[in-house]
Amino acid sequence: MDVDKKYFSNITTRERAIFEGAISMGALFHQFVGTPVNKYTKNGLEKSMEDSLRLQPAIEDVNVKIRFDKLKESMTEFDYTSLNGDMLDVKIYAKVDNVKAIIRIEFIEELNYPLMYVENITED
């Protein structure tokens, strides 16, 4: 079966690249927010998030950074906290045919909010 023809013929390649990156970002957010984390597990959690999302269709690369400043201020007396959106700085690089989309989440201070947005789109 030609999945692209059957399920994605009603959108452009550009829209599909954005869709693939955005659906993966939403999955990352809802899958990992709430995960226990501390300064010792931060790097391993970042790598696990990257590795799992790279398995998704059309995802070329993923760069996850957990902001240590936000992690540190959320720390409990038990020396860990739960991951939240304020801590995430993530870029997902999606590619469909010749279109590349970078989907990002980062905490925007002036909004006081972890915003997901399309950072860039290019065509080869």
PDB file of N, CA and C in Angstrom:
ATOM      1  N   MET A   1       0.848  -1.178   0.000  1.00  0.00           N
ATOM      2  CA  MET A   1       0.000   0.000   0.000  1.00  0.00           C
ATOM      3  C   MET A   1       0.894   1.243   0.000  1.00  0.00           C
ATOM      4  N   ASP A   2       0.520   2.205  -0.777  1.00  0.00           N
ATOM      5  CA  ASP A   2       1.216   3.490  -0.809  1.00  0.00           C
ATOM      6  C   ASP A   2       0.569   4.401   0.241  1.00  0.00           C
ATOM      7  N   VAL A   3       1.178   4.431   1.430  1.00  0.00           N
ATOM      8  CA  VAL A   3       0.632   5.204   2.555  1.00  0.00           C
ATOM      9  C   VAL A   3       0.529   6.678   2.212  1.00  0.00           C
ATOM     10  N   ASP A   4       1.575   7.208   1.574  1.00  0.00           N
ATOM     11  CA  ASP A   4       1.550   8.633   1.219  1.00  0.00           C
ATOM     12  C   ASP A   4       0.371   8.956   0.313  1.00  0.00           C
ATOM     13  N   LYS A   5       0.172   8.132  -0.693  1.00  0.00           N
ATOM     14  CA  LYS A   5      -0.912   8.379  -1.643  1.00  0.00           C
ATOM     15  C   LYS A   5      -2.282   8.221  -0.982  1.00  0.00           C
ATOM     16  N   LYS A   6      -2.423   7.197  -0.144  1.00  0.00           N
ATOM     17  CA  LYS A   6      -3.718   6.914   0.458  1.00  0.00           C
ATOM     18  C   LYS A   6      -4.098   7.895   1.567  1.00  0.00           C
ATOM     19  N   TYR A   7      -3.121   8.272   2.414  1.00  0.00           N
ATOM     20  CA  TYR A   7      -3.458   9.039   3.611  1.00  0.00           C
ATOM     21  C   TYR A   7      -2.959  10.479   3.626  1.00  0.00           C
ATOM     22  N   PHE A   8      -2.035  10.820   2.749  1.00  0.00           N
ATOM     23  CA  PHE A   8      -1.462  12.163   2.811  1.00  0.00           C
ATOM     24  C   PHE A   8      -1.537  12.925   1.488  1.00  0.00           C
ATOM     25  N   SER A   9      -2.311  12.447   0.546  1.00  0.00           N
ATOM     26  CA  SER A   9      -2.410  13.121  -0.745  1.00  0.00           C
ATOM     27  C   SER A   9      -3.198  14.429  -0.668  1.00  0.00           C
ATOM     28  N   ASN A  10      -3.883  14.642   0.445  1.00  0.00           N
ATOM     29  CA  ASN A  10      -4.688  15.860   0.601  1.00  0.00           C
ATOM     30  C   ASN A  10      -3.917  17.010   1.235  1.00  0.00           C
ATOM     31  N   ILE A  11      -2.619  16.802   1.524  1.00  0.00           N
ATOM     32  CA  ILE A  11      -1.800  17.878   2.070  1.00  0.00           C
ATOM     33  C   ILE A  11      -0.495  17.985   1.283  1.00  0.00           C
ATOM     34  N   THR A  12       0.149  19.131   1.394  1.00  0.00           N
ATOM     35  CA  THR A  12       1.415  19.345   0.691  1.00  0.00           C
ATOM     36  C   THR A  12       2.562  18.674   1.448  1.00  0.00           C
ATOM     37  N   THR A  13       3.677  18.538   0.774  1.00  0.00           N
ATOM     38  CA  THR A  13       4.875  17.996   1.414  1.00  0.00           C
ATOM     39  C   THR A  13       5.294  18.867   2.585  1.00  0.00           C
ATOM     40  N   ARG A  14       5.172  20.170   2.424  1.00  0.00           N
ATOM     41  CA  ARG A  14       5.491  21.120   3.502  1.00  0.00           C
ATOM     42  C   ARG A  14       4.593  20.869   4.722  1.00  0.00           C
ATOM     43  N   GLU A  15       3.303  20.720   4.490  1.00  0.00           N
ATOM     44  CA  GLU A  15       2.370  20.449   5.588  1.00  0.00           C
ATOM     45  C   GLU A  15       2.675  19.104   6.248  1.00  0.00           C
ATOM     46  N   ARG A  16       3.065  18.127   5.458  1.00  0.00           N
ATOM     47  CA  ARG A  16       3.387  16.795   6.007  1.00  0.00           C
ATOM     48  C   ARG A  16       4.629  16.859   6.879  1.00  0.00           C
ATOM     49  N   ALA A  17       5.645  17.607   6.469  1.00  0.00           N
ATOM     50  CA  ALA A  17       6.859  17.747   7.284  1.00  0.00           C
ATOM     51  C   ALA A  17       6.526  18.402   8.625  1.00  0.00           C
ATOM     52  N   ILE A  18       5.700  19.432   8.588  1.00  0.00           N
ATOM     53  CA  ILE A  18       5.274  20.099   9.823  1.00  0.00           C
ATOM     54  C   ILE A  18       4.470  19.133  10.684  1.00  0.00           C
ATOM     55  N   PHE A  19       3.543  18.411  10.079  1.00  0.00           N
ATOM     56  CA  PHE A  19       2.723  17.436  10.797  1.00  0.00           C
ATOM     57  C   PHE A  19       3.592  16.404  11.505  1.00  0.00           C
ATOM     58  N   GLU A  20       4.545  15.808  10.790  1.00  0.00           N
ATOM     59  CA  GLU A  20       5.387  14.754  11.365  1.00  0.00           C
ATOM     60  C   GLU A  20       6.183  15.272  12.560  1.00  0.00           C
ATOM     61  N   GLY A  21       6.760  16.465  12.426  1.00  0.00           N
ATOM     62  CA  GLY A  21       7.509  17.039  13.538  1.00  0.00           C
ATOM     63  C   GLY A  21       6.619  17.411  14.706  1.00  0.00           C
ATOM     64  N   ALA A  22       5.465  17.989  14.410  1.00  0.00           N
ATOM     65  CA  ALA A  22       4.566  18.456  15.469  1.00  0.00           C
ATOM     66  C   ALA A  22       3.928  17.291  16.227  1.00  0.00           C
ATOM     67  N   ILE A  23       3.555  16.237  15.526  1.00  0.00           N
ATOM     68  CA  ILE A  23       2.939  15.103  16.206  1.00  0.00           C
ATOM     69  C   ILE A  23       3.971  14.423  17.105  1.00  0.00           C
ATOM     70  N   SER A  24       5.213  14.415  16.675  1.00  0.00           N
ATOM     71  CA  SER A  24       6.282  13.845  17.501  1.00  0.00           C
ATOM     72  C   SER A  24       6.551  14.722  18.721  1.00  0.00           C
ATOM     73  N   MET A  25       6.489  16.037  18.549  1.00  0.00           N
ATOM     74  CA  MET A  25       6.696  16.941  19.692  1.00  0.00           C
ATOM     75  C   MET A  25       5.585  16.749  20.724  1.00  0.00           C
ATOM     76  N   GLY A  26       4.355  16.632  20.266  1.00  0.00           N
ATOM     77  CA  GLY A  26       3.250  16.397  21.183  1.00  0.00           C
ATOM     78  C   GLY A  26       3.407  15.077  21.917  1.00  0.00           C
ATOM     79  N   ALA A  27       3.868  14.051  21.210  1.00  0.00           N
ATOM     80  CA  ALA A  27       4.097  12.752  21.846  1.00  0.00           C
ATOM     81  C   ALA A  27       5.190  12.865  22.903  1.00  0.00           C
ATOM     82  N   LEU A  28       6.273  13.547  22.579  1.00  0.00           N
ATOM     83  CA  LEU A  28       7.355  13.747  23.552  1.00  0.00           C
ATOM     84  C   LEU A  28       6.836  14.428  24.808  1.00  0.00           C
ATOM     85  N   PHE A  29       6.112  15.507  24.615  1.00  0.00           N
ATOM     86  CA  PHE A  29       5.625  16.289  25.747  1.00  0.00           C
ATOM     87  C   PHE A  29       4.739  15.439  26.657  1.00  0.00           C
ATOM     88  N   HIS A  30       3.776  14.763  26.069  1.00  0.00           N
ATOM     89  CA  HIS A  30       2.807  14.031  26.886  1.00  0.00           C
ATOM     90  C   HIS A  30       3.332  12.691  27.393  1.00  0.00           C
ATOM     91  N   GLN A  31       4.356  12.173  26.756  1.00  0.00           N
ATOM     92  CA  GLN A  31       4.945  10.926  27.218  1.00  0.00           C
ATOM     93  C   GLN A  31       5.907  11.152  28.383  1.00  0.00           C
ATOM     94  N   PHE A  32       6.690  12.237  28.347  1.00  0.00           N
ATOM     95  CA  PHE A  32       7.771  12.390  29.314  1.00  0.00           C
ATOM     96  C   PHE A  32       7.510  13.395  30.437  1.00  0.00           C
ATOM     97  N   VAL A  33       6.588  14.328  30.264  1.00  0.00           N
ATOM     98  CA  VAL A  33       6.287  15.254  31.356  1.00  0.00           C
ATOM     99  C   VAL A  33       5.762  14.433  32.538  1.00  0.00           C
ATOM    100  N   GLY A  34       6.340  14.680  33.688  1.00  0.00           N
ATOM    101  CA  GLY A  34       6.005  13.928  34.888  1.00  0.00           C
ATOM    102  C   GLY A  34       7.050  12.888  35.255  1.00  0.00           C
ATOM    103  N   THR A  35       8.005  12.647  34.357  1.00  0.00           N
ATOM    104  CA  THR A  35       9.067  11.686  34.636  1.00  0.00           C
ATOM    105  C   THR A  35       9.957  12.196  35.768  1.00  0.00           C
ATOM    106  N   PRO A  36      10.259  11.366  36.754  1.00  0.00           N
ATOM    107  CA  PRO A  36      11.184  11.789  37.801  1.00  0.00           C
ATOM    108  C   PRO A  36      12.575  12.040  37.207  1.00  0.00           C
ATOM    109  N   VAL A  37      13.215  13.137  37.630  1.00  0.00           N
ATOM    110  CA  VAL A  37      14.527  13.504  37.092  1.00  0.00           C
ATOM    111  C   VAL A  37      15.318  14.269  38.145  1.00  0.00           C
ATOM    112  N   ASN A  38      16.635  14.119  38.102  1.00  0.00           N
ATOM    113  CA  ASN A  38      17.524  14.939  38.921  1.00  0.00           C
ATOM    114  C   ASN A  38      18.802  15.179  38.129  1.00  0.00           C
ATOM    115  N   LYS A  39      19.786  15.811  38.759  1.00  0.00           N
ATOM    116  CA  LYS A  39      21.005  16.168  38.034  1.00  0.00           C
ATOM    117  C   LYS A  39      21.776  14.930  37.571  1.00  0.00           C
ATOM    118  N   TYR A  40      21.570  13.795  38.214  1.00  0.00           N
ATOM    119  CA  TYR A  40      22.272  12.573  37.834  1.00  0.00           C
ATOM    120  C   TYR A  40      21.591  11.826  36.690  1.00  0.00           C
ATOM    121  N   THR A  41      20.298  11.981  36.540  1.00  0.00           N
ATOM    122  CA  THR A  41      19.555  11.261  35.496  1.00  0.00           C
ATOM    123  C   THR A  41      19.220  12.134  34.293  1.00  0.00           C
ATOM    124  N   LYS A  42      19.493  13.434  34.395  1.00  0.00           N
ATOM    125  CA  LYS A  42      19.160  14.404  33.348  1.00  0.00           C
ATOM    126  C   LYS A  42      19.714  13.988  31.982  1.00  0.00           C
ATOM    127  N   ASN A  43      21.002  13.678  31.901  1.00  0.00           N
ATOM    128  CA  ASN A  43      21.616  13.341  30.608  1.00  0.00           C
ATOM    129  C   ASN A  43      21.034  12.063  30.019  1.00  0.00           C
ATOM    130  N   GLY A  44      20.810  11.063  30.860  1.00  0.00           N
ATOM    131  CA  GLY A  44      20.224   9.819  30.377  1.00  0.00           C
ATOM    132  C   GLY A  44      18.804  10.010  29.878  1.00  0.00           C
ATOM    133  N   LEU A  45      18.032  10.844  30.570  1.00  0.00           N
ATOM    134  CA  LEU A  45      16.661  11.119  30.137  1.00  0.00           C
ATOM    135  C   LEU A  45      16.660  11.866  28.804  1.00  0.00           C
ATOM    136  N   GLU A  46      17.557  12.841  28.659  1.00  0.00           N
ATOM    137  CA  GLU A  46      17.661  13.558  27.378  1.00  0.00           C
ATOM    138  C   GLU A  46      17.937  12.579  26.243  1.00  0.00           C
ATOM    139  N   LYS A  47      18.906  11.684  26.444  1.00  0.00           N
ATOM    140  CA  LYS A  47      19.266  10.710  25.406  1.00  0.00           C
ATOM    141  C   LYS A  47      18.110   9.750  25.108  1.00  0.00           C
ATOM    142  N   SER A  48      17.422   9.294  26.144  1.00  0.00           N
ATOM    143  CA  SER A  48      16.277   8.391  25.937  1.00  0.00           C
ATOM    144  C   SER A  48      15.175   9.064  25.121  1.00  0.00           C
ATOM    145  N   MET A  49      14.920  10.334  25.416  1.00  0.00           N
ATOM    146  CA  MET A  49      13.908  11.074  24.667  1.00  0.00           C
ATOM    147  C   MET A  49      14.319  11.199  23.206  1.00  0.00           C
ATOM    148  N   GLU A  50      15.567  11.547  22.968  1.00  0.00           N
ATOM    149  CA  GLU A  50      16.066  11.679  21.593  1.00  0.00           C
ATOM    150  C   GLU A  50      15.974  10.352  20.845  1.00  0.00           C
ATOM    151  N   ASP A  51      16.481   9.298  21.457  1.00  0.00           N
ATOM    152  CA  ASP A  51      16.499   7.988  20.798  1.00  0.00           C
ATOM    153  C   ASP A  51      15.094   7.484  20.469  1.00  0.00           C
ATOM    154  N   SER A  52      14.149   7.689  21.378  1.00  0.00           N
ATOM    155  CA  SER A  52      12.798   7.189  21.126  1.00  0.00           C
ATOM    156  C   SER A  52      12.113   7.960  20.004  1.00  0.00           C
ATOM    157  N   LEU A  53      12.323   9.272  19.938  1.00  0.00           N
ATOM    158  CA  LEU A  53      11.653  10.051  18.887  1.00  0.00           C
ATOM    159  C   LEU A  53      12.272   9.837  17.517  1.00  0.00           C
ATOM    160  N   ARG A  54      13.553   9.503  17.472  1.00  0.00           N
ATOM    161  CA  ARG A  54      14.191   9.222  16.178  1.00  0.00           C
ATOM    162  C   ARG A  54      13.584   8.005  15.494  1.00  0.00           C
ATOM    163  N   LEU A  55      12.843   7.194  16.224  1.00  0.00           N
ATOM    164  CA  LEU A  55      12.186   6.028  15.641  1.00  0.00           C
ATOM    165  C   LEU A  55      10.947   6.403  14.829  1.00  0.00           C
ATOM    166  N   GLN A  56      10.418   7.597  15.041  1.00  0.00           N
ATOM    167  CA  GLN A  56       9.190   8.032  14.383  1.00  0.00           C
ATOM    168  C   GLN A  56       9.416   8.298  12.886  1.00  0.00           C
ATOM    169  N   PRO A  57       8.380   8.065  12.069  1.00  0.00           N
ATOM    170  CA  PRO A  57       8.504   8.327  10.632  1.00  0.00           C
ATOM    171  C   PRO A  57       8.892   9.780  10.355  1.00  0.00           C
ATOM    172  N   ALA A  58       9.790   9.958   9.427  1.00  0.00           N
ATOM    173  CA  ALA A  58      10.201  11.269   8.913  1.00  0.00           C
ATOM    174  C   ALA A  58      11.048  12.084   9.893  1.00  0.00           C
ATOM    175  N   ILE A  59      11.392  11.545  11.044  1.00  0.00           N
ATOM    176  CA  ILE A  59      12.204  12.295  11.993  1.00  0.00           C
ATOM    177  C   ILE A  59      13.672  12.010  11.704  1.00  0.00           C
ATOM    178  N   GLU A  60      14.383  13.056  11.297  1.00  0.00           N
ATOM    179  CA  GLU A  60      15.807  12.940  10.974  1.00  0.00           C
ATOM    180  C   GLU A  60      16.682  13.031  12.208  1.00  0.00           C
ATOM    181  N   ASP A  61      16.346  13.949  13.100  1.00  0.00           N
ATOM    182  CA  ASP A  61      17.161  14.148  14.289  1.00  0.00           C
ATOM    183  C   ASP A  61      16.327  14.806  15.376  1.00  0.00           C
ATOM    184  N   VAL A  62      16.809  14.691  16.604  1.00  0.00           N
ATOM    185  CA  VAL A  62      16.152  15.288  17.766  1.00  0.00           C
ATOM    186  C   VAL A  62      17.249  15.786  18.693  1.00  0.00           C
ATOM    187  N   ASN A  63      17.054  16.984  19.215  1.00  0.00           N
ATOM    188  CA  ASN A  63      17.994  17.541  20.189  1.00  0.00           C
ATOM    189  C   ASN A  63      17.203  17.949  21.415  1.00  0.00           C
ATOM    190  N   VAL A  64      17.444  17.256  22.537  1.00  0.00           N
ATOM    191  CA  VAL A  64      16.728  17.517  23.785  1.00  0.00           C
ATOM    192  C   VAL A  64      17.694  18.076  24.815  1.00  0.00           C
ATOM    193  N   LYS A  65      17.322  19.180  25.395  1.00  0.00           N
ATOM    194  CA  LYS A  65      18.047  19.761  26.522  1.00  0.00           C
ATOM    195  C   LYS A  65      17.045  19.998  27.638  1.00  0.00           C
ATOM    196  N   ILE A  66      17.369  19.492  28.818  1.00  0.00           N
ATOM    197  CA  ILE A  66      16.586  19.787  30.005  1.00  0.00           C
ATOM    198  C   ILE A  66      17.315  20.922  30.712  1.00  0.00           C
ATOM    199  N   ARG A  67      16.645  22.040  30.834  1.00  0.00           N
ATOM    200  CA  ARG A  67      17.269  23.232  31.420  1.00  0.00           C
ATOM    201  C   ARG A  67      17.580  22.987  32.894  1.00  0.00           C
ATOM    202  N   PHE A  68      18.863  22.960  33.205  1.00  0.00           N
ATOM    203  CA  PHE A  68      19.290  22.681  34.572  1.00  0.00           C
ATOM    204  C   PHE A  68      18.820  23.754  35.548  1.00  0.00           C
ATOM    205  N   ASP A  69      18.766  25.021  35.099  1.00  0.00           N
ATOM    206  CA  ASP A  69      18.303  26.085  35.993  1.00  0.00           C
ATOM    207  C   ASP A  69      16.862  25.840  36.432  1.00  0.00           C
ATOM    208  N   LYS A  70      16.013  25.420  35.500  1.00  0.00           N
ATOM    209  CA  LYS A  70      14.613  25.120  35.841  1.00  0.00           C
ATOM    210  C   LYS A  70      14.515  23.825  36.654  1.00  0.00           C
ATOM    211  N   LEU A  71      15.368  22.865  36.338  1.00  0.00           N
ATOM    212  CA  LEU A  71      15.398  21.613  37.092  1.00  0.00           C
ATOM    213  C   LEU A  71      15.793  21.889  38.540  1.00  0.00           C
ATOM    214  N   LYS A  72      16.829  22.675  38.721  1.00  0.00           N
ATOM    215  CA  LYS A  72      17.344  22.964  40.067  1.00  0.00           C
ATOM    216  C   LYS A  72      16.314  23.696  40.927  1.00  0.00           C
ATOM    217  N   GLU A  73      15.610  24.659  40.348  1.00  0.00           N
ATOM    218  CA  GLU A  73      14.641  25.426  41.143  1.00  0.00           C
ATOM    219  C   GLU A  73      13.401  24.603  41.506  1.00  0.00           C
ATOM    220  N   SER A  74      13.181  23.486  40.810  1.00  0.00           N
ATOM    221  CA  SER A  74      12.027  22.628  41.089  1.00  0.00           C
ATOM    222  C   SER A  74      12.362  21.454  42.008  1.00  0.00           C
ATOM    223  N   MET A  75      13.621  21.325  42.391  1.00  0.00           N
ATOM    224  CA  MET A  75      14.078  20.171  43.168  1.00  0.00           C
ATOM    225  C   MET A  75      13.348  20.066  44.504  1.00  0.00           C
ATOM    226  N   THR A  76      12.995  18.838  44.891  1.00  0.00           N
ATOM    227  CA  THR A  76      12.318  18.590  46.164  1.00  0.00           C
ATOM    228  C   THR A  76      13.345  18.230  47.236  1.00  0.00           C
ATOM    229  N   GLU A  77      12.894  18.073  48.442  1.00  0.00           N
ATOM    230  CA  GLU A  77      13.785  17.672  49.534  1.00  0.00           C
ATOM    231  C   GLU A  77      14.332  16.266  49.328  1.00  0.00           C
ATOM    232  N   PHE A  78      13.748  15.501  48.419  1.00  0.00           N
ATOM    233  CA  PHE A  78      14.208  14.141  48.128  1.00  0.00           C
ATOM    234  C   PHE A  78      15.215  14.099  46.986  1.00  0.00           C
ATOM    235  N   ASP A  79      15.715  15.266  46.585  1.00  0.00           N
ATOM    236  CA  ASP A  79      16.762  15.414  45.564  1.00  0.00           C
ATOM    237  C   ASP A  79      16.324  14.964  44.165  1.00  0.00           C
ATOM    238  N   TYR A  80      15.045  15.132  43.853  1.00  0.00           N
ATOM    239  CA  TYR A  80      14.571  14.934  42.487  1.00  0.00           C
ATOM    240  C   TYR A  80      13.323  15.781  42.298  1.00  0.00           C
ATOM    241  N   THR A  81      12.883  15.865  41.059  1.00  0.00           N
ATOM    242  CA  THR A  81      11.644  16.562  40.746  1.00  0.00           C
ATOM    243  C   THR A  81      10.991  15.849  39.569  1.00  0.00           C
ATOM    244  N   SER A  82       9.840  16.320  39.169  1.00  0.00           N
ATOM    245  CA  SER A  82       9.171  15.783  37.987  1.00  0.00           C
ATOM    246  C   SER A  82       9.417  16.722  36.815  1.00  0.00           C
ATOM    247  N   LEU A  83       9.765  16.143  35.686  1.00  0.00           N
ATOM    248  CA  LEU A  83       9.991  16.930  34.480  1.00  0.00           C
ATOM    249  C   LEU A  83       8.721  17.697  34.131  1.00  0.00           C
ATOM    250  N   ASN A  84       8.868  18.972  33.793  1.00  0.00           N
ATOM    251  CA  ASN A  84       7.725  19.748  33.309  1.00  0.00           C
ATOM    252  C   ASN A  84       8.121  20.535  32.071  1.00  0.00           C
ATOM    253  N   GLY A  85       7.142  21.085  31.409  1.00  0.00           N
ATOM    254  CA  GLY A  85       7.376  21.786  30.146  1.00  0.00           C
ATOM    255  C   GLY A  85       8.323  22.962  30.254  1.00  0.00           C
ATOM    256  N   ASP A  86       8.376  23.603  31.419  1.00  0.00           N
ATOM    257  CA  ASP A  86       9.277  24.742  31.605  1.00  0.00           C
ATOM    258  C   ASP A  86      10.737  24.348  31.459  1.00  0.00           C
ATOM    259  N   MET A  87      11.054  23.080  31.680  1.00  0.00           N
ATOM    260  CA  MET A  87      12.429  22.595  31.655  1.00  0.00           C
ATOM    261  C   MET A  87      12.900  22.201  30.257  1.00  0.00           C
ATOM    262  N   LEU A  88      11.979  22.070  29.318  1.00  0.00           N
ATOM    263  CA  LEU A  88      12.311  21.509  28.006  1.00  0.00           C
ATOM    264  C   LEU A  88      12.787  22.551  27.004  1.00  0.00           C
ATOM    265  N   ASP A  89      13.856  22.215  26.316  1.00  0.00           N
ATOM    266  CA  ASP A  89      14.319  22.950  25.136  1.00  0.00           C
ATOM    267  C   ASP A  89      14.621  21.873  24.105  1.00  0.00           C
ATOM    268  N   VAL A  90      13.692  21.655  23.185  1.00  0.00           N
ATOM    269  CA  VAL A  90      13.751  20.532  22.257  1.00  0.00           C
ATOM    270  C   VAL A  90      13.583  21.024  20.831  1.00  0.00           C
ATOM    271  N   LYS A  91      14.413  20.464  19.948  1.00  0.00           N
ATOM    272  CA  LYS A  91      14.250  20.675  18.510  1.00  0.00           C
ATOM    273  C   LYS A  91      14.073  19.314  17.854  1.00  0.00           C
ATOM    274  N   ILE A  92      13.033  19.213  17.039  1.00  0.00           N
ATOM    275  CA  ILE A  92      12.779  18.009  16.255  1.00  0.00           C
ATOM    276  C   ILE A  92      12.941  18.377  14.785  1.00  0.00           C
ATOM    277  N   TYR A  93      13.787  17.626  14.101  1.00  0.00           N
ATOM    278  CA  TYR A  93      14.076  17.862  12.691  1.00  0.00           C
ATOM    279  C   TYR A  93      13.345  16.808  11.866  1.00  0.00           C
ATOM    280  N   ALA A  94      12.295  17.238  11.176  1.00  0.00           N
ATOM    281  CA  ALA A  94      11.507  16.330  10.348  1.00  0.00           C
ATOM    282  C   ALA A  94      11.834  16.581   8.882  1.00  0.00           C
ATOM    283  N   LYS A  95      11.860  15.501   8.099  1.00  0.00           N
ATOM    284  CA  LYS A  95      12.105  15.642   6.659  1.00  0.00           C
ATOM    285  C   LYS A  95      11.141  14.749   5.894  1.00  0.00           C
ATOM    286  N   VAL A  96      10.457  15.351   4.936  1.00  0.00           N
ATOM    287  CA  VAL A  96       9.587  14.620   4.019  1.00  0.00           C
ATOM    288  C   VAL A  96       9.974  15.065   2.619  1.00  0.00           C
ATOM    289  N   ASP A  97      10.409  14.107   1.822  1.00  0.00           N
ATOM    290  CA  ASP A  97      10.933  14.392   0.483  1.00  0.00           C
ATOM    291  C   ASP A  97      12.026  15.449   0.585  1.00  0.00           C
ATOM    292  N   ASN A  98      11.828  16.616  -0.010  1.00  0.00           N
ATOM    293  CA  ASN A  98      12.868  17.658   0.005  1.00  0.00           C
ATOM    294  C   ASN A  98      12.579  18.774   1.009  1.00  0.00           C
ATOM    295  N   VAL A  99      11.606  18.586   1.879  1.00  0.00           N
ATOM    296  CA  VAL A  99      11.227  19.624   2.838  1.00  0.00           C
ATOM    297  C   VAL A  99      11.682  19.223   4.238  1.00  0.00           C
ATOM    298  N   LYS A 100      12.361  20.163   4.893  1.00  0.00           N
ATOM    299  CA  LYS A 100      12.803  19.961   6.270  1.00  0.00           C
ATOM    300  C   LYS A 100      12.106  20.982   7.163  1.00  0.00           C
ATOM    301  N   ALA A 101      11.558  20.496   8.269  1.00  0.00           N
ATOM    302  CA  ALA A 101      10.898  21.372   9.244  1.00  0.00           C
ATOM    303  C   ALA A 101      11.570  21.181  10.599  1.00  0.00           C
ATOM    304  N   ILE A 102      11.812  22.289  11.274  1.00  0.00           N
ATOM    305  CA  ILE A 102      12.315  22.230  12.643  1.00  0.00           C
ATOM    306  C   ILE A 102      11.174  22.675  13.548  1.00  0.00           C
ATOM    307  N   ILE A 103      10.763  21.757  14.422  1.00  0.00           N
ATOM    308  CA  ILE A 103       9.700  22.031  15.382  1.00  0.00           C
ATOM    309  C   ILE A 103      10.376  22.172  16.741  1.00  0.00           C
ATOM    310  N   ARG A 104       9.986  23.180  17.493  1.00  0.00           N
ATOM    311  CA  ARG A 104      10.689  23.465  18.743  1.00  0.00           C
ATOM    312  C   ARG A 104       9.715  23.695  19.892  1.00  0.00           C
ATOM    313  N   ILE A 105      10.177  23.333  21.073  1.00  0.00           N
ATOM    314  CA  ILE A 105       9.536  23.764  22.310  1.00  0.00           C
ATOM    315  C   ILE A 105      10.633  24.388  23.162  1.00  0.00           C
ATOM    316  N   GLU A 106      10.327  25.538  23.718  1.00  0.00           N
ATOM    317  CA  GLU A 106      11.227  26.195  24.657  1.00  0.00           C
ATOM    318  C   GLU A 106      10.400  27.087  25.567  1.00  0.00           C
ATOM    319  N   PHE A 107      10.923  27.317  26.754  1.00  0.00           N
ATOM    320  CA  PHE A 107      10.245  28.189  27.695  1.00  0.00           C
ATOM    321  C   PHE A 107      10.502  29.631  27.283  1.00  0.00           C
ATOM    322  N   ILE A 108       9.433  30.377  27.031  1.00  0.00           N
ATOM    323  CA  ILE A 108       9.529  31.783  26.637  1.00  0.00           C
ATOM    324  C   ILE A 108       9.236  32.619  27.880  1.00  0.00           C
ATOM    325  N   GLU A 109      10.264  33.280  28.386  1.00  0.00           N
ATOM    326  CA  GLU A 109      10.147  34.037  29.641  1.00  0.00           C
ATOM    327  C   GLU A 109       9.013  35.060  29.593  1.00  0.00           C
ATOM    328  N   GLU A 110       8.932  35.859  28.512  1.00  0.00           N
ATOM    329  CA  GLU A 110       7.926  36.926  28.456  1.00  0.00           C
ATOM    330  C   GLU A 110       6.495  36.380  28.379  1.00  0.00           C
ATOM    331  N   LEU A 111       6.353  35.127  27.949  1.00  0.00           N
ATOM    332  CA  LEU A 111       5.037  34.485  27.942  1.00  0.00           C
ATOM    333  C   LEU A 111       4.812  33.663  29.210  1.00  0.00           C
ATOM    334  N   ASN A 112       5.907  33.375  29.917  1.00  0.00           N
ATOM    335  CA  ASN A 112       5.865  32.485  31.079  1.00  0.00           C
ATOM    336  C   ASN A 112       5.207  31.158  30.695  1.00  0.00           C
ATOM    337  N   TYR A 113       5.687  30.604  29.557  1.00  0.00           N
ATOM    338  CA  TYR A 113       5.013  29.452  28.964  1.00  0.00           C
ATOM    339  C   TYR A 113       5.990  28.647  28.093  1.00  0.00           C
ATOM    340  N   PRO A 114       5.899  27.308  28.142  1.00  0.00           N
ATOM    341  CA  PRO A 114       6.705  26.488  27.234  1.00  0.00           C
ATOM    342  C   PRO A 114       5.991  26.382  25.877  1.00  0.00           C
ATOM    343  N   LEU A 115       6.454  27.149  24.912  1.00  0.00           N
ATOM    344  CA  LEU A 115       5.770  27.275  23.620  1.00  0.00           C
ATOM    345  C   LEU A 115       6.301  26.270  22.593  1.00  0.00           C
ATOM    346  N   MET A 116       5.384  25.561  21.937  1.00  0.00           N
ATOM    347  CA  MET A 116       5.720  24.717  20.786  1.00  0.00           C
ATOM    348  C   MET A 116       5.447  25.528  19.536  1.00  0.00           C
ATOM    349  N   TYR A 117       6.423  25.530  18.606  1.00  0.00           N
ATOM    350  CA  TYR A 117       6.236  26.311  17.380  1.00  0.00           C
ATOM    351  C   TYR A 117       7.096  25.769  16.246  1.00  0.00           C
ATOM    352  N   VAL A 118       6.812  26.212  15.027  1.00  0.00           N
ATOM    353  CA  VAL A 118       7.618  25.872  13.864  1.00  0.00           C
ATOM    354  C   VAL A 118       8.758  26.886  13.815  1.00  0.00           C
ATOM    355  N   GLU A 119       9.973  26.403  14.049  1.00  0.00           N
ATOM    356  CA  GLU A 119      11.121  27.305  14.077  1.00  0.00           C
ATOM    357  C   GLU A 119      11.630  27.651  12.681  1.00  0.00           C
ATOM    358  N   ASN A 120      11.615  26.652  11.776  1.00  0.00           N
ATOM    359  CA  ASN A 120      12.142  26.904  10.438  1.00  0.00           C
ATOM    360  C   ASN A 120      11.635  25.830   9.480  1.00  0.00           C
ATOM    361  N   ILE A 121      11.531  26.226   8.205  1.00  0.00           N
ATOM    362  CA  ILE A 121      11.181  25.293   7.140  1.00  0.00           C
ATOM    363  C   ILE A 121      12.078  25.615   5.957  1.00  0.00           C
ATOM    364  N   THR A 122      12.696  24.568   5.398  1.00  0.00           N
ATOM    365  CA  THR A 122      13.533  24.760   4.216  1.00  0.00           C
ATOM    366  C   THR A 122      13.186  23.701   3.177  1.00  0.00           C
ATOM    367  N   GLU A 123      13.499  24.017   1.921  1.00  0.00           N
ATOM    368  CA  GLU A 123      13.314  23.068   0.826  1.00  0.00           C
ATOM    369  C   GLU A 123      14.624  22.946   0.077  1.00  0.00           C
ATOM    370  N   ASP A 124      15.025  21.703  -0.194  1.00  0.00           N
ATOM    371  CA  ASP A 124      16.258  21.465  -0.969  1.00  0.00           C
ATOM    372  C   ASP A 124      16.017  21.685  -2.435  1.00  0.00           C
TER     373      ASP A 124
END
